[in-house]
N, C-alpha and C. Protein backbone atom coordinates (compact mmCIF):
# COMPACT_ATOMS: atom_id res chain seq x y z
N MET A 1 68.09 84.67 123.75
CA MET A 1 68.80 84.55 125.03
C MET A 1 69.96 85.53 125.21
N GLY A 2 70.52 85.86 124.10
CA GLY A 2 71.74 86.80 124.04
C GLY A 2 71.47 88.20 124.01
N THR A 3 70.17 88.53 123.77
CA THR A 3 69.81 90.08 123.64
C THR A 3 69.78 90.77 124.95
N ALA A 4 70.02 92.12 124.94
CA ALA A 4 70.00 92.83 126.24
C ALA A 4 68.62 93.08 126.67
N HIS A 5 67.65 93.06 125.68
CA HIS A 5 66.20 93.42 126.06
C HIS A 5 65.23 92.52 125.24
N ILE A 6 64.38 91.71 125.94
CA ILE A 6 63.39 90.87 125.39
C ILE A 6 62.03 91.25 125.95
N PRO A 7 61.24 91.84 125.14
CA PRO A 7 59.90 92.32 125.58
C PRO A 7 58.98 91.09 125.93
N ASP A 8 58.05 91.30 126.84
CA ASP A 8 57.13 90.21 127.26
C ASP A 8 57.79 88.82 127.40
N ILE A 9 58.88 88.80 128.13
CA ILE A 9 59.64 87.62 128.35
C ILE A 9 58.85 86.58 129.25
N MET A 10 58.03 87.05 130.17
CA MET A 10 57.36 86.19 131.10
C MET A 10 55.87 86.11 130.72
N TYR A 11 55.32 84.93 130.73
CA TYR A 11 54.03 84.70 130.53
C TYR A 11 53.54 83.55 131.30
N ASN A 12 52.51 83.67 132.24
CA ASN A 12 52.10 82.66 133.04
C ASN A 12 53.19 81.95 133.82
N ASP A 13 54.11 82.86 134.37
CA ASP A 13 55.37 82.33 134.98
C ASP A 13 56.15 81.47 134.28
N LYS A 14 56.27 81.59 132.93
CA LYS A 14 57.11 80.84 132.15
C LYS A 14 57.99 81.78 131.27
N ILE A 15 59.25 81.36 131.11
CA ILE A 15 60.03 82.15 130.30
C ILE A 15 59.71 82.04 128.75
N MET A 16 59.29 83.04 128.04
CA MET A 16 59.00 82.81 126.57
C MET A 16 60.22 83.34 125.79
N LEU A 17 60.77 82.53 125.03
CA LEU A 17 61.79 82.92 124.12
C LEU A 17 61.54 82.50 122.59
N THR A 18 61.79 83.46 121.72
CA THR A 18 61.48 83.33 120.41
C THR A 18 62.68 82.73 119.68
N TYR A 19 62.58 81.60 118.93
CA TYR A 19 63.88 81.10 118.29
C TYR A 19 63.61 81.01 116.70
N GLY A 20 62.59 81.78 116.23
CA GLY A 20 62.61 82.12 114.84
C GLY A 20 61.14 81.91 114.23
N TYR A 21 60.99 82.47 113.09
CA TYR A 21 59.76 82.51 112.35
C TYR A 21 60.00 81.84 111.02
N THR A 22 59.25 80.72 110.64
CA THR A 22 59.53 80.19 109.35
C THR A 22 58.31 79.25 108.96
N ASN A 23 58.09 79.06 107.75
CA ASN A 23 57.14 78.20 107.15
C ASN A 23 57.80 76.85 106.63
N ASP A 24 59.15 76.86 106.77
CA ASP A 24 59.83 75.61 106.22
C ASP A 24 59.81 74.67 107.36
N THR A 25 59.54 73.37 106.99
CA THR A 25 59.41 72.28 108.06
C THR A 25 60.72 71.95 108.74
N GLU A 26 61.88 71.91 107.87
CA GLU A 26 63.15 71.62 108.37
C GLU A 26 63.67 72.73 109.33
N GLU A 27 63.46 74.05 108.94
CA GLU A 27 63.91 75.11 109.74
C GLU A 27 63.17 75.11 111.17
N LEU A 28 61.85 74.81 110.95
CA LEU A 28 60.97 74.79 112.25
C LEU A 28 61.51 73.63 113.11
N GLN A 29 61.83 72.50 112.62
CA GLN A 29 62.36 71.37 113.28
C GLN A 29 63.69 71.78 114.11
N THR A 30 64.51 72.50 113.27
CA THR A 30 65.88 72.99 113.89
C THR A 30 65.60 73.93 115.10
N ALA A 31 64.63 74.89 114.85
CA ALA A 31 64.19 75.71 116.04
C ALA A 31 63.68 75.05 117.18
N ILE A 32 62.91 74.02 116.91
CA ILE A 32 62.34 73.30 118.16
C ILE A 32 63.39 72.49 118.86
N GLU A 33 64.43 72.04 118.09
CA GLU A 33 65.53 71.30 118.74
C GLU A 33 66.38 72.33 119.67
N ASN A 34 66.58 73.52 119.05
CA ASN A 34 67.28 74.57 119.80
C ASN A 34 66.58 74.92 120.98
N ALA A 35 65.30 75.13 120.91
CA ALA A 35 64.55 75.57 122.03
C ALA A 35 64.49 74.36 123.02
N SER A 36 64.39 73.22 122.63
CA SER A 36 64.41 72.06 123.64
C SER A 36 65.79 71.93 124.50
N ASN A 37 66.91 72.19 123.64
CA ASN A 37 68.16 72.18 124.36
C ASN A 37 68.31 73.25 125.40
N ALA A 38 67.73 74.51 124.94
CA ALA A 38 67.80 75.65 125.91
C ALA A 38 66.93 75.29 127.12
N ALA A 39 65.92 74.61 126.93
CA ALA A 39 64.99 74.35 128.06
C ALA A 39 65.66 73.37 128.97
N ILE A 40 66.34 72.42 128.51
CA ILE A 40 67.02 71.40 129.30
C ILE A 40 68.06 72.08 130.07
N LEU A 41 68.85 72.96 129.51
CA LEU A 41 70.03 73.82 130.17
C LEU A 41 69.42 74.65 131.24
N LEU A 42 68.20 75.30 131.01
CA LEU A 42 67.77 76.20 131.98
C LEU A 42 67.14 75.32 133.18
N ASN A 43 66.42 74.26 132.79
CA ASN A 43 65.89 73.45 133.93
C ASN A 43 66.75 72.63 134.73
N SER A 44 68.00 72.52 134.15
CA SER A 44 69.10 71.72 134.95
C SER A 44 69.72 72.50 136.07
N GLY A 45 69.50 73.82 135.92
CA GLY A 45 70.25 74.62 136.88
C GLY A 45 71.64 75.04 136.68
N SER A 46 72.21 74.60 135.54
CA SER A 46 73.66 74.84 135.28
C SER A 46 73.83 76.31 134.92
N ALA A 47 72.79 76.91 134.39
CA ALA A 47 72.88 78.29 134.08
C ALA A 47 72.13 79.10 135.20
N PRO A 48 72.83 80.05 135.80
CA PRO A 48 72.12 80.95 136.78
C PRO A 48 70.86 81.61 136.42
N LEU A 49 69.79 81.54 137.21
CA LEU A 49 68.55 82.11 136.83
C LEU A 49 68.52 83.54 137.49
N VAL A 50 69.35 83.80 138.50
CA VAL A 50 69.30 85.12 139.17
C VAL A 50 70.55 85.77 138.82
N TYR A 51 70.51 86.98 138.33
CA TYR A 51 71.71 87.78 137.95
C TYR A 51 71.90 89.00 138.74
N GLU A 52 73.05 89.40 138.96
CA GLU A 52 73.28 90.72 139.72
C GLU A 52 73.54 91.79 138.70
N TYR A 53 72.98 93.04 139.01
CA TYR A 53 73.06 94.14 138.02
C TYR A 53 73.88 95.11 138.68
N SER A 54 74.93 95.71 137.86
CA SER A 54 75.79 96.72 138.47
C SER A 54 75.70 97.96 137.41
N SER A 55 75.68 99.08 137.93
CA SER A 55 75.74 100.26 137.02
C SER A 55 77.01 101.00 137.05
N GLU A 56 77.67 101.29 135.97
CA GLU A 56 78.98 101.91 135.90
C GLU A 56 78.75 103.16 134.99
N THR A 57 79.21 104.29 135.40
CA THR A 57 79.15 105.44 134.57
C THR A 57 80.67 105.86 134.29
N ASN A 58 80.89 106.01 133.00
CA ASN A 58 82.21 106.63 132.52
C ASN A 58 82.01 108.07 132.17
N GLU A 59 82.63 108.94 132.77
CA GLU A 59 82.46 110.29 132.42
C GLU A 59 83.56 110.82 131.61
N SER A 60 83.29 111.78 130.66
CA SER A 60 84.25 112.26 129.81
C SER A 60 85.34 113.10 130.62
N ASN A 61 86.58 113.13 130.05
CA ASN A 61 87.70 113.92 130.76
C ASN A 61 87.61 115.34 130.22
N ILE A 62 86.58 115.67 129.52
CA ILE A 62 86.50 117.06 128.97
C ILE A 62 85.60 117.82 129.97
N ASP A 63 86.09 118.82 130.63
CA ASP A 63 85.32 119.73 131.60
C ASP A 63 84.88 120.92 130.88
N THR A 64 83.55 121.13 130.86
CA THR A 64 82.94 122.23 130.01
C THR A 64 83.55 123.60 130.54
N ALA A 65 83.56 123.79 131.79
CA ALA A 65 84.13 125.08 132.44
C ALA A 65 85.55 125.33 131.97
N LEU A 66 86.34 124.25 131.99
CA LEU A 66 87.79 124.32 131.67
C LEU A 66 88.01 124.70 130.09
N ILE A 67 87.06 124.02 129.35
CA ILE A 67 87.07 124.37 127.84
C ILE A 67 86.76 125.80 127.66
N THR A 68 85.75 126.31 128.33
CA THR A 68 85.34 127.68 128.02
C THR A 68 86.57 128.65 128.44
N ILE A 69 87.31 128.36 129.56
CA ILE A 69 88.45 129.15 129.74
C ILE A 69 89.49 129.09 128.69
N TYR A 70 89.73 127.86 128.36
CA TYR A 70 90.85 127.63 127.26
C TYR A 70 90.34 128.46 125.94
N VAL A 71 89.05 128.23 125.62
CA VAL A 71 88.69 128.82 124.34
C VAL A 71 88.73 130.42 124.40
N ILE A 72 88.45 130.90 125.50
CA ILE A 72 88.57 132.43 125.69
C ILE A 72 89.94 132.85 125.62
N SER A 73 90.82 132.14 126.34
CA SER A 73 92.20 132.58 126.42
C SER A 73 92.89 132.50 125.03
N ILE A 74 92.77 131.20 124.42
CA ILE A 74 93.33 130.97 123.13
C ILE A 74 92.70 131.83 122.04
N GLY A 75 91.36 132.11 122.09
CA GLY A 75 90.73 132.92 121.10
C GLY A 75 91.18 134.35 121.17
N ALA A 76 91.52 134.84 122.38
CA ALA A 76 92.03 136.21 122.41
C ALA A 76 93.47 136.32 121.94
N VAL A 77 94.34 135.31 122.11
CA VAL A 77 95.65 135.31 121.42
C VAL A 77 95.50 135.41 119.95
N PHE A 78 94.60 134.54 119.39
CA PHE A 78 94.49 134.49 117.93
C PHE A 78 93.90 135.86 117.37
N VAL A 79 93.10 136.38 118.16
CA VAL A 79 92.47 137.70 117.67
C VAL A 79 93.58 138.71 117.66
N ILE A 80 94.39 138.74 118.43
CA ILE A 80 95.61 139.70 118.55
C ILE A 80 96.47 139.33 117.30
N ALA A 81 96.65 138.07 117.15
CA ALA A 81 97.57 137.72 116.03
C ALA A 81 96.87 138.10 114.60
N TYR A 82 95.60 137.94 114.55
CA TYR A 82 94.93 138.31 113.41
C TYR A 82 94.87 139.88 113.09
N ILE A 83 94.78 140.68 114.15
CA ILE A 83 94.81 142.08 114.01
C ILE A 83 96.19 142.49 113.47
N TYR A 84 97.31 141.80 113.96
CA TYR A 84 98.66 142.08 113.58
C TYR A 84 98.71 141.80 111.99
N LEU A 85 98.12 140.67 111.60
CA LEU A 85 98.09 140.47 110.09
C LEU A 85 97.55 141.56 109.36
N VAL A 86 96.41 142.05 109.85
CA VAL A 86 95.65 142.96 109.08
C VAL A 86 96.43 144.37 109.05
N ILE A 87 97.11 144.69 110.10
CA ILE A 87 97.83 145.84 110.21
C ILE A 87 99.02 145.81 109.32
N LYS A 88 99.67 144.67 109.32
CA LYS A 88 100.97 144.57 108.53
C LYS A 88 100.82 144.35 107.00
N PHE A 89 99.76 143.54 106.63
CA PHE A 89 99.55 143.16 105.32
C PHE A 89 98.35 143.79 104.66
N LYS A 90 97.61 144.59 105.42
CA LYS A 90 96.46 145.34 104.78
C LYS A 90 95.33 144.37 104.32
N ALA A 91 94.91 144.53 103.12
CA ALA A 91 93.83 143.75 102.64
C ALA A 91 94.16 142.29 102.42
N LYS A 92 95.45 141.95 102.09
CA LYS A 92 95.77 140.43 102.01
C LYS A 92 95.76 139.95 103.45
N GLY A 93 96.14 140.68 104.46
CA GLY A 93 96.03 140.21 105.77
C GLY A 93 94.62 139.85 106.21
N LEU A 94 93.68 140.78 105.80
CA LEU A 94 92.30 140.52 106.06
C LEU A 94 91.76 139.20 105.33
N ILE A 95 92.20 139.04 104.06
CA ILE A 95 91.65 137.91 103.39
C ILE A 95 92.26 136.71 104.07
N THR A 96 93.57 136.82 104.56
CA THR A 96 94.08 135.63 105.27
C THR A 96 93.32 135.25 106.53
N VAL A 97 92.85 136.23 107.20
CA VAL A 97 92.00 135.95 108.40
C VAL A 97 90.80 135.20 108.13
N TYR A 98 90.04 135.50 106.94
CA TYR A 98 89.02 134.76 106.43
C TYR A 98 89.39 133.27 106.20
N PHE A 99 90.51 133.12 105.53
CA PHE A 99 90.97 131.71 105.25
C PHE A 99 91.23 130.93 106.37
N GLN A 100 91.80 131.64 107.56
CA GLN A 100 92.08 130.94 108.72
C GLN A 100 90.72 130.41 109.40
N VAL A 101 89.73 131.19 109.38
CA VAL A 101 88.38 130.75 109.96
C VAL A 101 87.89 129.52 109.03
N GLY A 102 88.19 129.67 107.62
CA GLY A 102 87.71 128.58 106.77
C GLY A 102 88.59 127.28 107.01
N TYR A 103 89.77 127.41 107.24
CA TYR A 103 90.59 126.23 107.69
C TYR A 103 90.09 125.53 108.91
N LEU A 104 89.78 126.23 109.93
CA LEU A 104 89.23 125.68 111.13
C LEU A 104 87.94 124.94 110.87
N ALA A 105 87.07 125.42 110.04
CA ALA A 105 85.87 124.75 109.75
C ALA A 105 86.09 123.59 109.01
N VAL A 106 87.01 123.59 107.98
CA VAL A 106 87.34 122.31 107.24
C VAL A 106 87.93 121.32 108.24
N LEU A 107 88.75 121.66 109.04
CA LEU A 107 89.48 120.71 109.94
C LEU A 107 88.47 120.14 110.89
N LEU A 108 87.48 120.93 111.49
CA LEU A 108 86.47 120.34 112.32
C LEU A 108 85.71 119.35 111.62
N LEU A 109 85.25 119.61 110.36
CA LEU A 109 84.51 118.86 109.51
C LEU A 109 85.20 117.52 109.31
N ILE A 110 86.38 117.42 108.86
CA ILE A 110 87.17 116.28 108.69
C ILE A 110 87.26 115.40 109.95
N ILE A 111 87.64 116.02 111.07
CA ILE A 111 87.67 115.34 112.33
C ILE A 111 86.32 114.69 112.63
N ARG A 112 85.19 115.39 112.39
CA ARG A 112 83.83 114.71 112.61
C ARG A 112 83.60 113.62 111.60
N LEU A 113 83.94 113.70 110.34
CA LEU A 113 83.63 112.69 109.41
C LEU A 113 84.53 111.46 109.68
N THR A 114 85.71 111.71 110.18
CA THR A 114 86.61 110.59 110.48
C THR A 114 86.40 109.96 111.80
N ASN A 115 85.57 110.41 112.50
CA ASN A 115 85.13 109.90 113.90
C ASN A 115 86.33 109.83 114.79
N VAL A 116 87.04 111.00 114.81
CA VAL A 116 88.15 110.98 115.76
C VAL A 116 87.78 111.24 117.16
N ILE A 117 88.29 110.58 118.13
CA ILE A 117 87.91 110.74 119.47
C ILE A 117 88.43 111.93 120.00
N LEU A 118 87.67 112.93 120.45
CA LEU A 118 88.12 114.18 120.84
C LEU A 118 88.27 114.28 122.28
N THR A 119 89.55 114.44 122.69
CA THR A 119 89.86 114.56 124.13
C THR A 119 90.41 115.99 124.41
N MET A 120 90.82 116.24 125.59
CA MET A 120 91.48 117.60 125.86
C MET A 120 92.86 117.53 125.07
N GLU A 121 93.54 116.50 124.85
CA GLU A 121 94.76 116.36 124.04
C GLU A 121 94.38 116.59 122.60
N GLY A 122 93.35 116.00 122.22
CA GLY A 122 92.84 116.21 120.84
C GLY A 122 92.66 117.83 120.43
N ILE A 123 91.97 118.43 121.47
CA ILE A 123 91.67 119.95 121.34
C ILE A 123 93.13 120.65 121.29
N ALA A 124 94.06 120.23 122.14
CA ALA A 124 95.36 120.82 121.86
C ALA A 124 95.95 120.62 120.56
N GLY A 125 95.66 119.46 119.86
CA GLY A 125 96.19 119.17 118.57
C GLY A 125 95.54 120.06 117.58
N ILE A 126 94.22 120.51 117.69
CA ILE A 126 93.64 121.42 116.91
C ILE A 126 94.16 122.82 117.08
N VAL A 127 94.47 123.30 118.26
CA VAL A 127 95.07 124.45 118.36
C VAL A 127 96.49 124.57 117.81
N ILE A 128 97.30 123.50 117.95
CA ILE A 128 98.60 123.58 117.33
C ILE A 128 98.36 123.53 115.73
N SER A 129 97.43 122.87 115.23
CA SER A 129 97.26 122.90 113.83
C SER A 129 96.83 124.36 113.39
N MET A 130 96.14 125.08 114.16
CA MET A 130 95.75 126.39 113.79
C MET A 130 97.02 127.37 113.89
N VAL A 131 97.98 127.08 114.84
CA VAL A 131 99.15 127.84 114.95
C VAL A 131 99.98 127.51 113.67
N LEU A 132 100.14 126.35 113.33
CA LEU A 132 100.79 125.96 112.03
C LEU A 132 100.28 126.52 110.78
N GLU A 133 99.04 126.59 110.69
CA GLU A 133 98.37 127.26 109.61
C GLU A 133 98.66 128.80 109.62
N TYR A 134 98.64 129.36 110.76
CA TYR A 134 98.97 130.82 110.88
C TYR A 134 100.37 131.15 110.38
N ILE A 135 101.30 130.23 110.82
CA ILE A 135 102.81 130.35 110.46
C ILE A 135 102.91 130.19 108.99
N PHE A 136 102.17 129.20 108.34
CA PHE A 136 102.27 128.98 106.93
C PHE A 136 101.74 130.21 106.10
N SER A 137 100.57 130.76 106.57
CA SER A 137 100.05 131.91 105.88
C SER A 137 100.96 133.12 106.09
N TYR A 138 101.43 133.25 107.17
CA TYR A 138 102.44 134.37 107.53
C TYR A 138 103.71 134.31 106.54
N MET A 139 104.07 133.11 106.41
CA MET A 139 105.33 132.96 105.41
C MET A 139 104.93 133.17 104.02
N ILE A 140 103.81 132.83 103.69
CA ILE A 140 103.29 133.20 102.23
C ILE A 140 103.18 134.65 102.05
N LEU A 141 102.68 135.32 102.99
CA LEU A 141 102.44 136.77 102.93
C LEU A 141 103.79 137.53 102.82
N ASN A 142 104.80 137.01 103.65
CA ASN A 142 106.02 137.65 103.57
C ASN A 142 106.74 137.38 102.22
N ALA A 143 106.50 136.14 101.68
CA ALA A 143 107.05 135.82 100.26
C ALA A 143 106.42 136.71 99.22
N MET A 144 105.11 137.05 99.43
CA MET A 144 104.52 137.92 98.41
C MET A 144 105.06 139.40 98.51
N VAL A 145 105.38 139.88 99.66
CA VAL A 145 105.96 141.18 99.71
C VAL A 145 107.35 141.24 99.01
N LYS A 146 108.08 140.16 99.13
CA LYS A 146 109.42 140.14 98.48
C LYS A 146 109.37 139.80 97.00
N GLU A 147 108.84 138.70 96.76
CA GLU A 147 108.63 138.26 95.34
C GLU A 147 107.42 137.30 95.16
N SER A 148 106.92 137.40 93.93
CA SER A 148 105.67 136.59 93.77
C SER A 148 105.93 135.25 93.04
N GLU A 149 106.93 135.12 92.16
CA GLU A 149 107.18 133.96 91.49
C GLU A 149 107.69 132.90 92.37
N GLY A 150 107.02 131.72 92.32
CA GLY A 150 107.37 130.61 93.04
C GLY A 150 107.31 130.67 94.47
N MET A 151 106.43 131.56 95.06
CA MET A 151 106.49 131.98 96.45
C MET A 151 105.74 130.66 97.21
N TYR A 152 104.87 130.01 96.63
CA TYR A 152 104.20 128.87 97.39
C TYR A 152 105.19 127.63 97.50
N LYS A 153 105.90 127.47 96.45
CA LYS A 153 106.95 126.33 96.60
C LYS A 153 108.02 126.57 97.45
N LYS A 154 108.49 127.90 97.55
CA LYS A 154 109.47 128.21 98.45
C LYS A 154 109.03 128.23 99.97
N ALA A 155 107.95 128.76 100.17
CA ALA A 155 107.29 128.85 101.56
C ALA A 155 106.88 127.38 101.88
N ASN A 156 106.37 126.65 101.04
CA ASN A 156 106.18 125.22 101.30
C ASN A 156 107.31 124.44 101.76
N LEU A 157 108.45 124.53 101.08
CA LEU A 157 109.68 123.74 101.43
C LEU A 157 110.21 124.31 102.67
N GLN A 158 110.21 125.65 102.95
CA GLN A 158 110.77 126.11 104.18
C GLN A 158 109.87 125.67 105.35
N PHE A 159 108.55 125.70 105.13
CA PHE A 159 107.61 125.43 106.17
C PHE A 159 107.83 123.87 106.60
N PHE A 160 108.00 122.94 105.51
CA PHE A 160 108.11 121.60 105.83
C PHE A 160 109.28 121.35 106.59
N LEU A 161 110.54 122.02 106.26
CA LEU A 161 111.66 121.70 106.90
C LEU A 161 111.79 122.10 108.37
N ASN A 162 111.08 123.20 108.59
CA ASN A 162 111.11 123.82 109.95
C ASN A 162 110.03 123.04 110.82
N THR A 163 109.12 122.36 110.32
CA THR A 163 108.09 121.75 111.11
C THR A 163 108.06 120.28 110.98
N LEU A 164 109.26 119.70 110.45
CA LEU A 164 109.33 118.35 110.23
C LEU A 164 109.10 117.39 111.50
N PRO A 165 109.81 117.89 112.74
CA PRO A 165 109.60 117.03 113.93
C PRO A 165 108.09 117.06 114.24
N VAL A 166 107.38 117.97 113.95
CA VAL A 166 105.96 118.03 114.33
C VAL A 166 105.22 116.89 113.44
N TYR A 167 105.51 116.71 112.28
CA TYR A 167 105.07 115.66 111.42
C TYR A 167 105.31 114.29 112.04
N VAL A 168 106.56 114.06 112.44
CA VAL A 168 106.93 112.73 113.07
C VAL A 168 106.18 112.39 114.24
N ILE A 169 105.99 113.49 115.15
CA ILE A 169 105.15 113.27 116.31
C ILE A 169 103.73 112.94 116.03
N ALA A 170 103.22 113.61 115.06
CA ALA A 170 101.83 113.43 114.72
C ALA A 170 101.60 111.93 114.17
N VAL A 171 102.48 111.55 113.23
CA VAL A 171 102.33 110.23 112.70
C VAL A 171 102.46 109.16 113.79
N SER A 172 103.47 109.32 114.62
CA SER A 172 103.71 108.20 115.67
C SER A 172 102.67 108.21 116.74
N PHE A 173 102.10 109.31 116.98
CA PHE A 173 100.99 109.35 118.04
C PHE A 173 99.79 108.79 117.46
N THR A 174 99.63 108.91 116.25
CA THR A 174 98.33 108.34 115.57
C THR A 174 98.18 106.78 115.85
N PHE A 175 99.27 106.07 115.93
CA PHE A 175 99.12 104.67 116.18
C PHE A 175 99.22 104.26 117.65
N ALA A 176 99.08 105.25 118.61
CA ALA A 176 99.08 104.98 120.04
C ALA A 176 97.78 104.29 120.36
N LEU A 177 97.84 103.50 121.40
CA LEU A 177 96.74 102.57 122.01
C LEU A 177 95.83 103.62 122.81
N ARG A 178 96.55 104.46 123.58
CA ARG A 178 95.86 105.33 124.59
C ARG A 178 94.90 106.23 123.82
N ALA A 179 93.67 106.52 124.26
CA ALA A 179 92.83 107.39 123.51
C ALA A 179 93.34 108.81 123.55
N ASN A 180 93.82 109.23 124.64
CA ASN A 180 94.22 110.67 124.66
C ASN A 180 95.44 111.00 123.78
N ILE A 181 96.39 110.14 123.64
CA ILE A 181 97.60 110.27 122.88
C ILE A 181 97.22 110.13 121.22
N ASN A 182 96.29 109.10 121.09
CA ASN A 182 95.76 108.92 119.69
C ASN A 182 94.88 110.11 119.22
N SER A 183 94.19 110.58 119.99
CA SER A 183 93.40 111.78 119.68
C SER A 183 94.22 112.93 119.34
N PHE A 184 95.40 113.22 120.18
CA PHE A 184 96.31 114.33 119.73
C PHE A 184 96.96 114.00 118.45
N GLY A 185 97.33 112.79 118.19
CA GLY A 185 98.06 112.48 116.97
C GLY A 185 97.17 112.67 115.76
N MET A 186 95.82 112.16 115.92
CA MET A 186 94.99 112.18 114.79
C MET A 186 94.58 113.58 114.40
N THR A 187 94.16 114.48 115.39
CA THR A 187 93.89 115.82 115.04
C THR A 187 95.02 116.62 114.46
N LEU A 188 96.29 116.28 115.00
CA LEU A 188 97.42 117.03 114.55
C LEU A 188 97.81 116.53 113.08
N PHE A 189 97.57 115.24 112.80
CA PHE A 189 97.85 114.60 111.54
C PHE A 189 96.93 115.27 110.50
N TRP A 190 95.65 115.33 110.74
CA TRP A 190 94.67 115.79 109.76
C TRP A 190 94.87 117.25 109.58
N GLY A 191 95.34 118.05 110.74
CA GLY A 191 95.52 119.41 110.67
C GLY A 191 96.64 119.70 109.64
N ILE A 192 97.84 118.93 109.70
CA ILE A 192 98.87 119.17 108.84
C ILE A 192 98.48 118.84 107.34
N ILE A 193 97.75 117.76 107.13
CA ILE A 193 97.41 117.34 105.76
C ILE A 193 96.44 118.52 105.18
N ILE A 194 95.55 119.06 105.96
CA ILE A 194 94.60 119.99 105.44
C ILE A 194 95.30 121.38 105.16
N ILE A 195 96.45 121.48 105.92
CA ILE A 195 97.28 122.85 105.64
C ILE A 195 97.65 122.91 104.26
N TYR A 196 98.18 121.82 103.72
CA TYR A 196 98.75 121.73 102.26
C TYR A 196 97.57 121.66 101.36
N VAL A 197 96.55 120.99 101.55
CA VAL A 197 95.51 120.80 100.63
C VAL A 197 94.63 122.01 100.47
N TYR A 198 94.27 122.51 101.75
CA TYR A 198 93.45 123.74 101.76
C TYR A 198 94.07 124.96 101.09
N ASN A 199 95.41 125.20 101.52
CA ASN A 199 96.02 126.37 100.99
C ASN A 199 96.38 126.34 99.55
N PHE A 200 96.55 125.18 99.05
CA PHE A 200 96.85 125.05 97.58
C PHE A 200 95.56 124.99 96.69
N ILE A 201 94.46 125.00 97.47
CA ILE A 201 93.24 125.01 96.62
C ILE A 201 92.60 126.47 96.68
N PHE A 202 92.57 127.07 97.85
CA PHE A 202 91.87 128.39 97.99
C PHE A 202 92.79 129.63 98.08
N PRO A 203 93.73 129.67 99.12
CA PRO A 203 94.53 130.93 99.14
C PRO A 203 95.41 131.08 98.03
N LYS A 204 96.04 130.01 97.56
CA LYS A 204 96.91 129.99 96.44
C LYS A 204 96.22 130.70 95.23
N PHE A 205 94.99 130.32 94.80
CA PHE A 205 94.31 130.84 93.83
C PHE A 205 94.08 132.31 93.89
N ILE A 206 93.57 132.71 95.08
CA ILE A 206 93.18 134.04 95.34
C ILE A 206 94.43 134.98 95.29
N PHE A 207 95.44 134.57 96.01
CA PHE A 207 96.66 135.43 96.14
C PHE A 207 97.34 135.60 94.88
N GLU A 208 97.45 134.48 93.97
CA GLU A 208 98.05 134.57 92.83
C GLU A 208 97.33 135.48 91.90
N ASN A 209 96.00 135.61 91.88
CA ASN A 209 95.21 136.46 91.07
C ASN A 209 95.30 137.84 91.62
N LEU A 210 95.31 138.11 92.89
CA LEU A 210 95.51 139.52 93.44
C LEU A 210 96.81 139.98 93.08
N ASN A 211 97.88 139.01 93.18
CA ASN A 211 99.19 139.61 92.80
C ASN A 211 99.45 139.93 91.30
N TRP A 212 98.79 139.07 90.55
CA TRP A 212 98.74 139.40 89.10
C TRP A 212 98.07 140.71 88.75
N ARG A 213 96.95 141.07 89.38
CA ARG A 213 96.35 142.35 89.09
C ARG A 213 97.13 143.44 89.60
N SER A 214 97.83 143.28 90.63
CA SER A 214 98.53 144.42 91.15
C SER A 214 99.73 144.80 90.20
N GLU A 215 100.21 143.71 89.62
CA GLU A 215 101.29 143.94 88.51
C GLU A 215 100.87 144.62 87.30
């Protein structure tokens, strides 16, 4: 009776409900008693036999055309920023661009695996995470030009102190009850976490080896 769909419920103008399958006598007797009670309830008229059906559609607040405009605009800005990296830092800048693309792929995968509700605000969180990743990479490249020893520790500390308010916002928004605020907080939270984990696994290894060979 509680299911949304019961096939072949009507037979010879009678409601046919299944209460169980068993070969055990006691379980069968219990099923018969439950069926008898339900029959009494339905025949008494206390439960309505005619129900009204209403259809409600909840549409996503993400507009496809609007997303396309945002993607093109933001993508153009990032392309210009990446070209600047390549011009200024040459080969290391080009490698950094590849790592930027890899970072976005990892972030989207984590968001998918953690079932984060993606809203327009959540997409904004992804964009901000990409900007933070770009800033972190730029700081690393600048540190490599000046000195190589301890560059990741220095850049890490400097990046953390400069972006501390962003961390506080991400963590606080993560516990919000509204879906749009929670989406923004979750995407930004995972974006910040992945910045540290991703950069200390891949770019750190590559850049340290490149710098060692140049010396």
